[in-house]
Every structure is written in structure tokens, then in C-alpha cells.
């Protein structure tokens, strides 16, 4: 009898262990990843950037972590960046870093899936979101109006002004956080973007 009771206890303990709930999946901001691997590099562009600077300087890991590698405007303080993705994503938040010499962006407008947007269009069109940065919020992760960024194939980022009313604007790092709208995992994004000329 004693052996039978012990067997029941062991079986009960095994069932309890098997029934233990799995850890909850990440949700909200915690589930959003750096979208660098989802960027379609050959479809990205930046208008009014100096020839010596590059959009990849601020987007690519390794380059964006070097403060002296910048993306800087040329003729005036405005920049128009278009970041395209290999597949539709949800865009949750962004972090932007810049020099502390007055050239850091101040007013930034974000547009979703706009084709052929130029500076006049960016000035006169209502954006999906406008963000005003202060010296204190530069480098911090800023959440977006998530409902407006659910099916993003490309995001256009218009730097309208800078902190010190300087002649040019500059940024050193731009990180976009979000999630894929498809079941393909981010490792596949990395493979595809590499094949499409990630190093160009």
C-alpha cells in the first residue's frame, strides 16, 4: 500500500510540473526588436545630405555606434530620409542621437508609405506623427502612435529644424523598433537584405 501511495505522489508531482504555465511571451515594447535587419538598403535614400555623409552611418550597427560618423544636411538645416523595409512592419518607436553642438534635430515629422515626397510636400502635408526633441530626449526611445504605424513598407523622416537654429543639421544614430507583419523571422530578413546588397 505504501508503495502504491508513493507512486501516486510521484505521478501527481510529475503532472504538476508538466502543467506549470510557460513564461508569458514578450509583449508591448519588450516584444519590439531593432528593425535594422528588415531594412531594404538599396531602396533607402536621403535628400539634402552632404556627399561625405551617409544614411547607413546612422542606421547600420557598427557605423551608428561611432559618434563621429554622421548624417549631415547640405544646403540648409533640413533632411528628408526614406527608410524602406523588405516586408511590411509594425513601427513602434525610435531612438535618435546627434551631436550636442546645436545641429541635433528638433522638429521631426514621420510619414508612412508616401511615394515621391519632396521637401515642399513634407512641409505642406500632415504627417502621421510629429515629434519635438529636446537635448534631454535625444538618445531616448520615443514611442510612436502605434495605430498609425501598423503596415509600414517605408517611413519618411523629415528633419525640419534643429536645436540651435544652425545652418546644418546632423544626426549620429537612428534606431527603429518594431515587428514584422509576417511569420518570417528576423534571421530571414537578414539573409534577404544581405542578398539585396546590404553592403552597398
C-alpha atoms as a PDB file:
ATOM      1  CA  UNK A   1       0.000   0.000   0.000  1.00  0.00           C
ATOM      2  CA  UNK A   2       2.799   2.352   0.927  1.00  0.00           C
ATOM      3  CA  UNK A   3       4.432   1.780  -2.463  1.00  0.00           C
ATOM      4  CA  UNK A   4       1.166   2.480  -4.224  1.00  0.00           C
ATOM      5  CA  UNK A   5       0.686   5.777  -2.355  1.00  0.00           C
ATOM      6  CA  UNK A   6       4.255   6.839  -3.176  1.00  0.00           C
ATOM      7  CA  UNK A   7       3.644   6.124  -6.868  1.00  0.00           C
ATOM      8  CA  UNK A   8       0.561   8.332  -6.782  1.00  0.00           C
ATOM      9  CA  UNK A   9       2.555  11.159  -5.195  1.00  0.00           C
ATOM     10  CA  UNK A  10       5.318  10.907  -7.789  1.00  0.00           C
ATOM     11  CA  UNK A  11       2.775  10.815 -10.608  1.00  0.00           C
ATOM     12  CA  UNK A  12       0.985  13.823  -9.136  1.00  0.00           C
ATOM     13  CA  UNK A  13       4.232  15.783  -8.877  1.00  0.00           C
ATOM     14  CA  UNK A  14       5.094  14.947 -12.489  1.00  0.00           C
ATOM     15  CA  UNK A  15       1.689  16.125 -13.682  1.00  0.00           C
ATOM     16  CA  UNK A  16       2.005  19.338 -11.699  1.00  0.00           C
ATOM     17  CA  UNK A  17       5.408  20.019 -13.247  1.00  0.00           C
ATOM     18  CA  UNK A  18       4.056  19.362 -16.731  1.00  0.00           C
ATOM     19  CA  UNK A  19       1.118  21.672 -16.101  1.00  0.00           C
ATOM     20  CA  UNK A  20       3.300  24.588 -14.932  1.00  0.00           C
ATOM     21  CA  UNK A  21       2.490  27.585 -17.158  1.00  0.00           C
ATOM     22  CA  UNK A  22       5.097  28.674 -19.666  1.00  0.00           C
ATOM     23  CA  UNK A  23       6.592  32.139 -19.165  1.00  0.00           C
ATOM     24  CA  UNK A  24       4.408  34.771 -20.836  1.00  0.00           C
ATOM     25  CA  UNK A  25       5.645  35.891 -24.254  1.00  0.00           C
ATOM     26  CA  UNK A  26       7.125  39.356 -24.509  1.00  0.00           C
ATOM     27  CA  UNK A  27       4.522  41.986 -25.259  1.00  0.00           C
ATOM     28  CA  UNK A  28       4.331  45.696 -25.858  1.00  0.00           C
ATOM     29  CA  UNK A  29       7.665  47.484 -26.088  1.00  0.00           C
ATOM     30  CA  UNK A  30       9.503  44.370 -24.882  1.00  0.00           C
ATOM     31  CA  UNK A  31       8.438  42.415 -27.977  1.00  0.00           C
ATOM     32  CA  UNK A  32       9.679  45.049 -30.410  1.00  0.00           C
ATOM     33  CA  UNK A  33      13.074  44.480 -31.999  1.00  0.00           C
ATOM     34  CA  UNK A  34      15.651  46.642 -33.724  1.00  0.00           C
ATOM     35  CA  UNK A  35      14.480  46.628 -37.355  1.00  0.00           C
ATOM     36  CA  UNK A  36      17.949  47.048 -38.873  1.00  0.00           C
ATOM     37  CA  UNK A  37      17.810  43.533 -40.365  1.00  0.00           C
ATOM     38  CA  UNK A  38      14.475  44.340 -42.048  1.00  0.00           C
ATOM     39  CA  UNK A  39      15.772  47.373 -43.976  1.00  0.00           C
ATOM     40  CA  UNK A  40      15.915  47.165 -47.776  1.00  0.00           C
ATOM     41  CA  UNK A  41      19.144  49.137 -48.113  1.00  0.00           C
ATOM     42  CA  UNK A  42      19.066  49.640 -51.879  1.00  0.00           C
ATOM     43  CA  UNK A  43      15.631  51.308 -51.628  1.00  0.00           C
ATOM     44  CA  UNK A  44      16.612  53.827 -48.958  1.00  0.00           C
ATOM     45  CA  UNK A  45      17.523  57.410 -49.750  1.00  0.00           C
ATOM     46  CA  UNK A  46      18.319  60.736 -48.155  1.00  0.00           C
ATOM     47  CA  UNK A  47      17.780  64.142 -49.747  1.00  0.00           C
ATOM     48  CA  UNK A  48      19.996  67.155 -48.985  1.00  0.00           C
ATOM     49  CA  UNK A  49      22.767  65.152 -47.314  1.00  0.00           C
ATOM     50  CA  UNK A  50      26.384  66.157 -47.789  1.00  0.00           C
ATOM     51  CA  UNK A  51      28.323  63.868 -50.071  1.00  0.00           C
ATOM     52  CA  UNK A  52      30.728  62.879 -47.312  1.00  0.00           C
ATOM     53  CA  UNK A  53      27.969  61.500 -45.073  1.00  0.00           C
ATOM     54  CA  UNK A  54      25.666  58.525 -45.461  1.00  0.00           C
ATOM     55  CA  UNK A  55      22.272  57.269 -44.309  1.00  0.00           C
ATOM     56  CA  UNK A  56      23.950  53.966 -43.445  1.00  0.00           C
ATOM     57  CA  UNK A  57      26.180  55.846 -40.980  1.00  0.00           C
ATOM     58  CA  UNK A  58      23.197  56.324 -38.684  1.00  0.00           C
ATOM     59  CA  UNK A  59      21.240  53.108 -39.369  1.00  0.00           C
ATOM     60  CA  UNK A  60      23.801  50.281 -39.510  1.00  0.00           C
ATOM     61  CA  UNK A  61      25.137  48.606 -36.388  1.00  0.00           C
ATOM     62  CA  UNK A  62      28.844  49.248 -36.091  1.00  0.00           C
ATOM     63  CA  UNK A  63      28.615  52.508 -38.023  1.00  0.00           C
ATOM     64  CA  UNK A  64      25.825  54.114 -35.996  1.00  0.00           C
ATOM     65  CA  UNK A  65      27.744  53.389 -32.786  1.00  0.00           C
ATOM     66  CA  UNK A  66      30.585  55.698 -33.826  1.00  0.00           C
ATOM     67  CA  UNK A  67      29.704  59.246 -32.810  1.00  0.00           C
ATOM     68  CA  UNK A  68      31.977  60.801 -35.440  1.00  0.00           C
ATOM     69  CA  UNK A  69      30.157  59.087 -38.343  1.00  0.00           C
ATOM     70  CA  UNK A  70      27.288  61.432 -39.087  1.00  0.00           C
ATOM     71  CA  UNK A  71      24.475  62.122 -41.475  1.00  0.00           C
ATOM     72  CA  UNK A  72      24.576  65.878 -42.106  1.00  0.00           C
ATOM     73  CA  UNK A  73      22.462  68.209 -44.198  1.00  0.00           C
ATOM     74  CA  UNK A  74      23.991  70.228 -47.015  1.00  0.00           C
ATOM     75  CA  UNK A  75      22.250  73.345 -48.372  1.00  0.00           C
ATOM     76  CA  UNK A  76      20.213  74.134 -45.248  1.00  0.00           C
ATOM     77  CA  UNK A  77      19.090  72.569 -41.970  1.00  0.00           C
ATOM     78  CA  UNK A  78      16.549  70.148 -43.469  1.00  0.00           C
ATOM     79  CA  UNK A  79      16.939  66.433 -44.234  1.00  0.00           C
ATOM     80  CA  UNK A  80      14.492  64.011 -45.848  1.00  0.00           C
ATOM     81  CA  UNK A  81      15.227  60.361 -45.049  1.00  0.00           C
ATOM     82  CA  UNK A  82      13.314  57.456 -46.553  1.00  0.00           C
ATOM     83  CA  UNK A  83      13.813  54.035 -44.944  1.00  0.00           C
ATOM     84  CA  UNK A  84      12.281  51.108 -46.856  1.00  0.00           C
ATOM     85  CA  UNK A  85      11.708  47.611 -45.490  1.00  0.00           C
ATOM     86  CA  UNK A  86      11.963  44.246 -47.231  1.00  0.00           C
ATOM     87  CA  UNK A  87       8.453  43.483 -45.990  1.00  0.00           C
ATOM     88  CA  UNK A  88       5.667  45.238 -44.123  1.00  0.00           C
ATOM     89  CA  UNK A  89       6.398  46.003 -40.456  1.00  0.00           C
ATOM     90  CA  UNK A  90       4.726  47.499 -37.429  1.00  0.00           C
ATOM     91  CA  UNK A  91       6.756  50.507 -36.293  1.00  0.00           C
ATOM     92  CA  UNK A  92       6.566  51.012 -32.549  1.00  0.00           C
ATOM     93  CA  UNK A  93       9.264  53.501 -31.523  1.00  0.00           C
ATOM     94  CA  UNK A  94      12.515  55.150 -32.475  1.00  0.00           C
ATOM     95  CA  UNK A  95      15.679  56.480 -30.858  1.00  0.00           C
ATOM     96  CA  UNK A  96      17.690  59.315 -32.356  1.00  0.00           C
ATOM     97  CA  UNK A  97      21.120  60.545 -31.258  1.00  0.00           C
ATOM     98  CA  UNK A  98      23.025  63.566 -32.514  1.00  0.00           C
ATOM     99  CA  UNK A  99      25.922  65.918 -31.733  1.00  0.00           C
ATOM    100  CA  UNK A 100      25.386  68.329 -28.833  1.00  0.00           C
ATOM    101  CA  UNK A 101      26.586  71.391 -30.757  1.00  0.00           C
ATOM    102  CA  UNK A 102      23.171  72.718 -31.810  1.00  0.00           C
ATOM    103  CA  UNK A 103      22.896  70.693 -35.035  1.00  0.00           C
ATOM    104  CA  UNK A 104      20.743  67.971 -33.450  1.00  0.00           C
ATOM    105  CA  UNK A 105      17.223  67.641 -34.938  1.00  0.00           C
ATOM    106  CA  UNK A 106      14.420  69.428 -33.114  1.00  0.00           C
ATOM    107  CA  UNK A 107      11.181  69.085 -35.097  1.00  0.00           C
ATOM    108  CA  UNK A 108      10.881  65.745 -36.907  1.00  0.00           C
ATOM    109  CA  UNK A 109       7.890  64.603 -38.975  1.00  0.00           C
ATOM    110  CA  UNK A 110       7.157  60.970 -39.867  1.00  0.00           C
ATOM    111  CA  UNK A 111       5.235  59.882 -42.968  1.00  0.00           C
ATOM    112  CA  UNK A 112       4.146  56.321 -43.775  1.00  0.00           C
ATOM    113  CA  UNK A 113       4.199  54.753 -47.265  1.00  0.00           C
ATOM    114  CA  UNK A 114       4.435  58.075 -49.106  1.00  0.00           C
ATOM    115  CA  UNK A 115       5.953  57.848 -52.578  1.00  0.00           C
ATOM    116  CA  UNK A 116       7.915  60.699 -54.130  1.00  0.00           C
ATOM    117  CA  UNK A 117       7.658  63.011 -51.130  1.00  0.00           C
ATOM    118  CA  UNK A 118       9.872  66.090 -51.536  1.00  0.00           C
ATOM    119  CA  UNK A 119      10.640  68.980 -49.187  1.00  0.00           C
ATOM    120  CA  UNK A 120       7.637  71.053 -50.301  1.00  0.00           C
ATOM    121  CA  UNK A 121       5.379  68.051 -49.792  1.00  0.00           C
ATOM    122  CA  UNK A 122       6.848  67.318 -46.376  1.00  0.00           C
ATOM    123  CA  UNK A 123       6.341  70.942 -45.337  1.00  0.00           C
ATOM    124  CA  UNK A 124       2.738  71.073 -46.522  1.00  0.00           C
ATOM    125  CA  UNK A 125       1.433  67.567 -45.762  1.00  0.00           C
ATOM    126  CA  UNK A 126       0.061  66.423 -42.426  1.00  0.00           C
ATOM    127  CA  UNK A 127       2.374  63.696 -41.077  1.00  0.00           C
ATOM    128  CA  UNK A 128       1.372  60.513 -39.293  1.00  0.00           C
ATOM    129  CA  UNK A 129       3.270  61.945 -36.325  1.00  0.00           C
ATOM    130  CA  UNK A 130       5.379  64.961 -35.402  1.00  0.00           C
ATOM    131  CA  UNK A 131       7.982  64.698 -32.651  1.00  0.00           C
ATOM    132  CA  UNK A 132       9.800  67.580 -30.996  1.00  0.00           C
ATOM    133  CA  UNK A 133      13.129  66.605 -29.495  1.00  0.00           C
ATOM    134  CA  UNK A 134      14.899  68.418 -26.675  1.00  0.00           C
ATOM    135  CA  UNK A 135      18.538  67.952 -25.670  1.00  0.00           C
ATOM    136  CA  UNK A 136      17.250  65.743 -22.830  1.00  0.00           C
ATOM    137  CA  UNK A 137      15.177  63.421 -25.042  1.00  0.00           C
ATOM    138  CA  UNK A 138      17.832  62.888 -27.719  1.00  0.00           C
ATOM    139  CA  UNK A 139      19.048  59.304 -27.430  1.00  0.00           C
ATOM    140  CA  UNK A 140      15.887  58.187 -25.626  1.00  0.00           C
ATOM    141  CA  UNK A 141      13.439  55.715 -27.146  1.00  0.00           C
ATOM    142  CA  UNK A 142      10.326  57.602 -28.232  1.00  0.00           C
ATOM    143  CA  UNK A 143       7.098  55.665 -28.735  1.00  0.00           C
ATOM    144  CA  UNK A 144       5.004  56.380 -31.819  1.00  0.00           C
ATOM    145  CA  UNK A 145       1.227  56.489 -32.293  1.00  0.00           C
ATOM    146  CA  UNK A 146       1.265  52.742 -32.866  1.00  0.00           C
ATOM    147  CA  UNK A 147      -2.154  52.574 -34.546  1.00  0.00           C
ATOM    148  CA  UNK A 148      -0.827  54.766 -37.393  1.00  0.00           C
ATOM    149  CA  UNK A 149       2.266  52.619 -37.987  1.00  0.00           C
ATOM    150  CA  UNK A 150       0.745  49.138 -38.392  1.00  0.00           C
ATOM    151  CA  UNK A 151       1.594  48.347 -42.041  1.00  0.00           C
ATOM    152  CA  UNK A 152       4.766  50.259 -42.830  1.00  0.00           C
ATOM    153  CA  UNK A 153       6.606  49.465 -46.047  1.00  0.00           C
ATOM    154  CA  UNK A 154       8.579  52.687 -45.942  1.00  0.00           C
ATOM    155  CA  UNK A 155       8.857  55.535 -43.472  1.00  0.00           C
ATOM    156  CA  UNK A 156       9.944  59.029 -44.469  1.00  0.00           C
ATOM    157  CA  UNK A 157      11.566  61.086 -41.733  1.00  0.00           C
ATOM    158  CA  UNK A 158      11.637  64.837 -42.293  1.00  0.00           C
ATOM    159  CA  UNK A 159      14.085  66.780 -40.143  1.00  0.00           C
ATOM    160  CA  UNK A 160      12.509  70.233 -40.272  1.00  0.00           C
ATOM    161  CA  UNK A 161      14.676  72.157 -37.814  1.00  0.00           C
ATOM    162  CA  UNK A 162      17.493  71.780 -35.317  1.00  0.00           C
ATOM    163  CA  UNK A 163      18.147  72.652 -31.690  1.00  0.00           C
ATOM    164  CA  UNK A 164      20.355  75.706 -32.189  1.00  0.00           C
ATOM    165  CA  UNK A 165      18.988  77.176 -35.448  1.00  0.00           C
ATOM    166  CA  UNK A 166      22.276  76.158 -37.027  1.00  0.00           C
ATOM    167  CA  UNK A 167      22.844  76.255 -40.789  1.00  0.00           C
ATOM    168  CA  UNK A 168      23.010  72.446 -40.987  1.00  0.00           C
ATOM    169  CA  UNK A 169      21.510  69.535 -39.047  1.00  0.00           C
ATOM    170  CA  UNK A 170      23.302  66.326 -38.134  1.00  0.00           C
ATOM    171  CA  UNK A 171      22.498  63.004 -36.519  1.00  0.00           C
ATOM    172  CA  UNK A 172      24.741  60.149 -35.473  1.00  0.00           C
ATOM    173  CA  UNK A 173      22.301  57.316 -34.766  1.00  0.00           C
ATOM    174  CA  UNK A 174      18.767  56.281 -35.704  1.00  0.00           C
ATOM    175  CA  UNK A 175      17.265  53.042 -34.387  1.00  0.00           C
ATOM    176  CA  UNK A 176      13.779  51.920 -35.445  1.00  0.00           C
ATOM    177  CA  UNK A 177      11.946  49.424 -33.239  1.00  0.00           C
ATOM    178  CA  UNK A 178       9.030  47.266 -34.325  1.00  0.00           C
ATOM    179  CA  UNK A 179       7.915  43.847 -35.518  1.00  0.00           C
ATOM    180  CA  UNK A 180       7.326  42.042 -38.791  1.00  0.00           C
ATOM    181  CA  UNK A 181       3.768  41.667 -40.061  1.00  0.00           C
ATOM    182  CA  UNK A 182       4.671  38.226 -41.422  1.00  0.00           C
ATOM    183  CA  UNK A 183       5.732  34.935 -39.911  1.00  0.00           C
ATOM    184  CA  UNK A 184       9.198  35.163 -41.466  1.00  0.00           C
ATOM    185  CA  UNK A 185      11.660  35.614 -38.638  1.00  0.00           C
ATOM    186  CA  UNK A 186      14.270  38.338 -38.454  1.00  0.00           C
ATOM    187  CA  UNK A 187      17.071  35.921 -39.400  1.00  0.00           C
ATOM    188  CA  UNK A 188      15.387  35.561 -42.780  1.00  0.00           C
ATOM    189  CA  UNK A 189      15.230  39.350 -43.084  1.00  0.00           C
ATOM    190  CA  UNK A 190      18.969  39.494 -42.506  1.00  0.00           C
ATOM    191  CA  UNK A 191      19.629  36.899 -45.208  1.00  0.00           C
ATOM    192  CA  UNK A 192      17.381  38.620 -47.748  1.00  0.00           C
ATOM    193  CA  UNK A 193      18.729  42.115 -47.095  1.00  0.00           C
ATOM    194  CA  UNK A 194      22.263  40.788 -47.400  1.00  0.00           C
ATOM    195  CA  UNK A 195      21.483  39.286 -50.785  1.00  0.00           C
ATOM    196  CA  UNK A 196      19.955  42.517 -51.991  1.00  0.00           C
ATOM    197  CA  UNK A 197      23.166  44.458 -51.420  1.00  0.00           C
ATOM    198  CA  UNK A 198      23.232  45.232 -47.730  1.00  0.00           C
ATOM    199  CA  UNK A 199      26.826  46.336 -48.007  1.00  0.00           C
ATOM    200  CA  UNK A 200      26.231  48.834 -50.798  1.00  0.00           C
END
